[in-house]
Amino acid sequence: MTTALTPGLIPSPLATPTEAVQRRRIAETAQAFEASFLSVMINQMFAGLDTEGPFSGGAGETAFRSFLGEAVARQITRSGGIGLAAPVQAEMLKLQGLS
């Protein structure tokens, strides 16, 4: 019977991941960077909007506006993005010697 503490079953923290794993992580990181960039841009776009008035969201709108910006940015990125993830991914692959 083997357990989770069996030395042969514990992955070494110094083990290098396979090239496919590295490429997947780099792609995910590039998409996360694009989503983060878009989130900042979207939140800046809404920064000047007034939250007071008869048809506004008031304090609730102010509190949750950043969450909306992040959700919209993630959806834009999932739908193909604005073309920022691909060059970032290519540069990261070059830096890792995987191009």
N, C-alpha and C. Protein backbone atom coordinates (compact mmCIF):
# COMPACT_ATOMS: atom_id res chain seq x y z
N MET A 1 0.84 -1.18 0.00
CA MET A 1 0.00 0.00 0.00
C MET A 1 0.89 1.24 0.00
N THR A 2 0.58 2.18 -0.89
CA THR A 2 1.34 3.43 -0.94
C THR A 2 0.48 4.56 -0.40
N THR A 3 1.14 5.52 0.15
CA THR A 3 0.44 6.70 0.67
C THR A 3 0.95 7.93 -0.04
N ALA A 4 0.35 9.06 0.28
CA ALA A 4 0.77 10.32 -0.32
C ALA A 4 2.17 10.71 0.12
N LEU A 5 2.67 10.08 1.19
CA LEU A 5 3.99 10.41 1.69
C LEU A 5 5.09 9.52 1.15
N THR A 6 4.74 8.61 0.26
CA THR A 6 5.75 7.75 -0.34
C THR A 6 6.69 8.60 -1.17
N PRO A 7 8.01 8.51 -0.93
CA PRO A 7 8.96 9.40 -1.61
C PRO A 7 8.86 9.37 -3.12
N GLY A 8 8.57 8.23 -3.72
CA GLY A 8 8.51 8.17 -5.17
C GLY A 8 7.31 8.88 -5.77
N LEU A 9 6.30 9.17 -4.97
CA LEU A 9 5.08 9.77 -5.49
C LEU A 9 5.04 11.29 -5.34
N ILE A 10 5.95 11.86 -4.60
CA ILE A 10 5.94 13.31 -4.38
C ILE A 10 6.74 13.97 -5.48
N PRO A 11 6.12 14.85 -6.25
CA PRO A 11 6.87 15.52 -7.32
C PRO A 11 7.89 16.48 -6.71
N SER A 12 9.05 16.48 -7.27
CA SER A 12 10.11 17.36 -6.80
C SER A 12 9.81 18.80 -7.20
N PRO A 13 9.98 19.76 -6.29
CA PRO A 13 9.74 21.15 -6.66
C PRO A 13 10.76 21.65 -7.66
N LEU A 14 11.89 20.95 -7.78
CA LEU A 14 12.93 21.37 -8.72
C LEU A 14 12.77 20.72 -10.08
N ALA A 15 11.82 19.81 -10.22
CA ALA A 15 11.60 19.13 -11.50
C ALA A 15 11.11 20.14 -12.52
N THR A 16 11.67 20.08 -13.71
CA THR A 16 11.24 20.99 -14.76
C THR A 16 10.01 20.41 -15.45
N PRO A 17 9.02 21.24 -15.70
CA PRO A 17 7.82 20.74 -16.38
C PRO A 17 8.13 20.45 -17.84
N THR A 18 7.29 19.63 -18.44
CA THR A 18 7.48 19.30 -19.85
C THR A 18 7.23 20.54 -20.70
N GLU A 19 7.67 20.48 -21.93
CA GLU A 19 7.51 21.62 -22.83
C GLU A 19 6.04 21.96 -23.05
N ALA A 20 5.19 20.95 -23.14
CA ALA A 20 3.76 21.19 -23.35
C ALA A 20 3.16 21.91 -22.15
N VAL A 21 3.57 21.53 -20.95
CA VAL A 21 3.08 22.19 -19.74
C VAL A 21 3.56 23.63 -19.71
N GLN A 22 4.82 23.85 -20.06
CA GLN A 22 5.35 25.22 -20.10
C GLN A 22 4.59 26.08 -21.10
N ARG A 23 4.32 25.53 -22.27
CA ARG A 23 3.59 26.29 -23.30
C ARG A 23 2.17 26.63 -22.83
N ARG A 24 1.52 25.67 -22.16
CA ARG A 24 0.17 25.93 -21.65
C ARG A 24 0.19 27.02 -20.59
N ARG A 25 1.15 26.95 -19.69
CA ARG A 25 1.25 27.96 -18.63
C ARG A 25 1.54 29.34 -19.21
N ILE A 26 2.40 29.39 -20.21
CA ILE A 26 2.72 30.66 -20.85
C ILE A 26 1.49 31.23 -21.55
N ALA A 27 0.73 30.39 -22.23
CA ALA A 27 -0.49 30.85 -22.90
C ALA A 27 -1.49 31.38 -21.88
N GLU A 28 -1.66 30.67 -20.77
CA GLU A 28 -2.58 31.13 -19.72
C GLU A 28 -2.11 32.45 -19.11
N THR A 29 -0.81 32.59 -18.91
CA THR A 29 -0.26 33.81 -18.34
C THR A 29 -0.44 34.99 -19.29
N ALA A 30 -0.23 34.76 -20.57
CA ALA A 30 -0.41 35.83 -21.56
C ALA A 30 -1.88 36.27 -21.62
N GLN A 31 -2.81 35.32 -21.54
CA GLN A 31 -4.22 35.67 -21.54
C GLN A 31 -4.60 36.40 -20.26
N ALA A 32 -4.03 35.98 -19.14
CA ALA A 32 -4.30 36.67 -17.88
C ALA A 32 -3.77 38.10 -17.92
N PHE A 33 -2.61 38.30 -18.55
CA PHE A 33 -2.06 39.64 -18.70
C PHE A 33 -2.98 40.50 -19.55
N GLU A 34 -3.48 39.96 -20.65
CA GLU A 34 -4.39 40.70 -21.51
C GLU A 34 -5.68 41.06 -20.76
N ALA A 35 -6.21 40.12 -19.99
CA ALA A 35 -7.42 40.38 -19.22
C ALA A 35 -7.17 41.46 -18.17
N SER A 36 -6.02 41.43 -17.54
CA SER A 36 -5.67 42.44 -16.54
C SER A 36 -5.56 43.82 -17.19
N PHE A 37 -4.91 43.88 -18.33
CA PHE A 37 -4.78 45.13 -19.06
C PHE A 37 -6.15 45.68 -19.45
N LEU A 38 -6.99 44.81 -19.99
CA LEU A 38 -8.34 45.24 -20.38
C LEU A 38 -9.16 45.69 -19.18
N SER A 39 -9.00 45.02 -18.06
CA SER A 39 -9.72 45.40 -16.85
C SER A 39 -9.37 46.81 -16.42
N VAL A 40 -8.09 47.14 -16.46
CA VAL A 40 -7.66 48.50 -16.11
C VAL A 40 -8.25 49.51 -17.10
N MET A 41 -8.20 49.19 -18.38
CA MET A 41 -8.74 50.09 -19.40
C MET A 41 -10.25 50.29 -19.22
N ILE A 42 -10.97 49.22 -18.98
CA ILE A 42 -12.43 49.32 -18.81
C ILE A 42 -12.78 50.09 -17.56
N ASN A 43 -12.07 49.82 -16.47
CA ASN A 43 -12.35 50.54 -15.22
C ASN A 43 -12.03 52.03 -15.36
N GLN A 44 -11.01 52.38 -16.12
CA GLN A 44 -10.70 53.79 -16.37
C GLN A 44 -11.80 54.44 -17.21
N MET A 45 -12.38 53.67 -18.09
CA MET A 45 -13.45 54.19 -18.94
C MET A 45 -14.68 54.59 -18.10
N PHE A 46 -14.94 53.83 -17.03
CA PHE A 46 -16.09 54.10 -16.17
C PHE A 46 -15.77 55.03 -15.01
N ALA A 47 -14.53 55.46 -14.86
CA ALA A 47 -14.11 56.22 -13.69
C ALA A 47 -14.86 57.55 -13.54
N GLY A 48 -15.19 58.21 -14.61
CA GLY A 48 -15.81 59.51 -14.53
C GLY A 48 -17.33 59.51 -14.46
N LEU A 49 -17.95 58.35 -14.49
CA LEU A 49 -19.41 58.29 -14.47
C LEU A 49 -19.95 58.65 -13.10
N ASP A 50 -21.03 59.39 -13.11
CA ASP A 50 -21.68 59.80 -11.87
C ASP A 50 -22.57 58.66 -11.38
N THR A 51 -22.49 58.37 -10.08
CA THR A 51 -23.31 57.29 -9.52
C THR A 51 -24.51 57.83 -8.76
N GLU A 52 -24.73 59.10 -8.83
CA GLU A 52 -25.90 59.70 -8.17
C GLU A 52 -26.93 60.07 -9.23
N GLY A 53 -28.17 59.98 -8.89
CA GLY A 53 -29.23 60.33 -9.82
C GLY A 53 -30.35 59.31 -9.74
N PRO A 54 -31.46 59.60 -10.44
CA PRO A 54 -32.62 58.72 -10.33
C PRO A 54 -32.42 57.32 -10.92
N PHE A 55 -31.57 57.15 -11.92
CA PHE A 55 -31.39 55.85 -12.55
C PHE A 55 -29.99 55.29 -12.35
N SER A 56 -29.34 55.70 -11.30
CA SER A 56 -27.99 55.21 -11.06
C SER A 56 -28.00 54.14 -9.98
N GLY A 57 -26.86 53.51 -9.78
CA GLY A 57 -26.76 52.43 -8.81
C GLY A 57 -26.29 52.87 -7.44
N GLY A 58 -25.90 54.13 -7.31
CA GLY A 58 -25.47 54.65 -6.02
C GLY A 58 -24.23 53.96 -5.48
N ALA A 59 -24.22 53.73 -4.17
CA ALA A 59 -23.05 53.14 -3.52
C ALA A 59 -22.81 51.71 -3.98
N GLY A 60 -23.85 50.97 -4.28
CA GLY A 60 -23.70 49.59 -4.77
C GLY A 60 -22.99 49.55 -6.11
N GLU A 61 -23.33 50.47 -6.97
CA GLU A 61 -22.67 50.54 -8.27
C GLU A 61 -21.20 50.85 -8.10
N THR A 62 -20.91 51.78 -7.22
CA THR A 62 -19.52 52.15 -6.97
C THR A 62 -18.74 50.95 -6.42
N ALA A 63 -19.35 50.21 -5.52
CA ALA A 63 -18.66 49.09 -4.89
C ALA A 63 -18.39 47.94 -5.86
N PHE A 64 -19.30 47.70 -6.79
CA PHE A 64 -19.18 46.52 -7.65
C PHE A 64 -18.75 46.84 -9.08
N ARG A 65 -18.48 48.08 -9.38
CA ARG A 65 -18.10 48.45 -10.75
C ARG A 65 -16.80 47.76 -11.18
N SER A 66 -15.84 47.64 -10.28
CA SER A 66 -14.57 47.00 -10.66
C SER A 66 -14.78 45.52 -10.99
N PHE A 67 -15.71 44.86 -10.29
CA PHE A 67 -15.99 43.46 -10.59
C PHE A 67 -16.58 43.32 -11.99
N LEU A 68 -17.43 44.25 -12.36
CA LEU A 68 -18.00 44.23 -13.70
C LEU A 68 -16.89 44.41 -14.74
N GLY A 69 -16.00 45.35 -14.49
CA GLY A 69 -14.89 45.58 -15.42
C GLY A 69 -14.02 44.34 -15.59
N GLU A 70 -13.74 43.64 -14.50
CA GLU A 70 -12.94 42.42 -14.57
C GLU A 70 -13.67 41.32 -15.34
N ALA A 71 -14.96 41.18 -15.09
CA ALA A 71 -15.74 40.15 -15.78
C ALA A 71 -15.83 40.43 -17.28
N VAL A 72 -16.03 41.67 -17.65
CA VAL A 72 -16.08 42.03 -19.07
C VAL A 72 -14.72 41.78 -19.72
N ALA A 73 -13.64 42.13 -19.03
CA ALA A 73 -12.30 41.93 -19.57
C ALA A 73 -12.00 40.44 -19.78
N ARG A 74 -12.38 39.60 -18.83
CA ARG A 74 -12.16 38.15 -18.98
C ARG A 74 -12.95 37.61 -20.16
N GLN A 75 -14.18 38.09 -20.34
CA GLN A 75 -15.00 37.61 -21.45
C GLN A 75 -14.44 38.07 -22.79
N ILE A 76 -13.96 39.29 -22.85
CA ILE A 76 -13.34 39.77 -24.09
C ILE A 76 -12.14 38.91 -24.43
N THR A 77 -11.32 38.60 -23.43
CA THR A 77 -10.14 37.78 -23.66
C THR A 77 -10.52 36.38 -24.11
N ARG A 78 -11.53 35.78 -23.48
CA ARG A 78 -11.99 34.43 -23.88
C ARG A 78 -12.52 34.43 -25.31
N SER A 79 -13.07 35.56 -25.74
CA SER A 79 -13.67 35.64 -27.07
C SER A 79 -12.67 36.00 -28.16
N GLY A 80 -11.41 36.04 -27.83
CA GLY A 80 -10.39 36.34 -28.83
C GLY A 80 -9.54 37.53 -28.46
N GLY A 81 -10.02 38.34 -27.57
CA GLY A 81 -9.23 39.47 -27.08
C GLY A 81 -9.01 40.57 -28.10
N ILE A 82 -8.01 41.38 -27.81
CA ILE A 82 -7.69 42.52 -28.67
C ILE A 82 -6.35 42.31 -29.38
N GLY A 83 -5.81 41.11 -29.28
CA GLY A 83 -4.55 40.81 -29.96
C GLY A 83 -3.32 41.07 -29.13
N LEU A 84 -3.47 41.25 -27.85
CA LEU A 84 -2.32 41.52 -26.99
C LEU A 84 -1.69 40.23 -26.48
N ALA A 85 -2.47 39.19 -26.26
CA ALA A 85 -1.95 37.95 -25.68
C ALA A 85 -0.96 37.24 -26.61
N ALA A 86 -1.20 37.26 -27.90
CA ALA A 86 -0.34 36.53 -28.85
C ALA A 86 1.10 37.05 -28.86
N PRO A 87 1.33 38.38 -28.98
CA PRO A 87 2.72 38.84 -28.96
C PRO A 87 3.38 38.66 -27.59
N VAL A 88 2.60 38.80 -26.52
CA VAL A 88 3.15 38.57 -25.18
C VAL A 88 3.56 37.11 -25.05
N GLN A 89 2.71 36.21 -25.52
CA GLN A 89 3.01 34.78 -25.47
C GLN A 89 4.25 34.47 -26.30
N ALA A 90 4.36 35.04 -27.49
CA ALA A 90 5.52 34.80 -28.35
C ALA A 90 6.81 35.27 -27.68
N GLU A 91 6.76 36.41 -27.04
CA GLU A 91 7.95 36.93 -26.35
C GLU A 91 8.32 36.06 -25.16
N MET A 92 7.32 35.60 -24.42
CA MET A 92 7.60 34.73 -23.28
C MET A 92 8.19 33.40 -23.74
N LEU A 93 7.70 32.87 -24.86
CA LEU A 93 8.25 31.63 -25.41
C LEU A 93 9.70 31.82 -25.83
N LYS A 94 10.00 32.97 -26.43
CA LYS A 94 11.40 33.26 -26.82
C LYS A 94 12.30 33.32 -25.60
N LEU A 95 11.81 33.98 -24.55
CA LEU A 95 12.61 34.10 -23.33
C LEU A 95 12.87 32.75 -22.68
N GLN A 96 11.97 31.81 -22.86
CA GLN A 96 12.14 30.47 -22.29
C GLN A 96 12.85 29.52 -23.26
N GLY A 97 13.17 30.01 -24.46
CA GLY A 97 13.85 29.18 -25.45
C GLY A 97 12.94 28.15 -26.09
N LEU A 98 11.65 28.45 -26.16
CA LEU A 98 10.68 27.51 -26.73
C LEU A 98 10.08 27.97 -28.04
N SER A 99 10.62 28.98 -28.64
CA SER A 99 10.01 29.54 -29.84
C SER A 99 10.08 28.69 -31.04
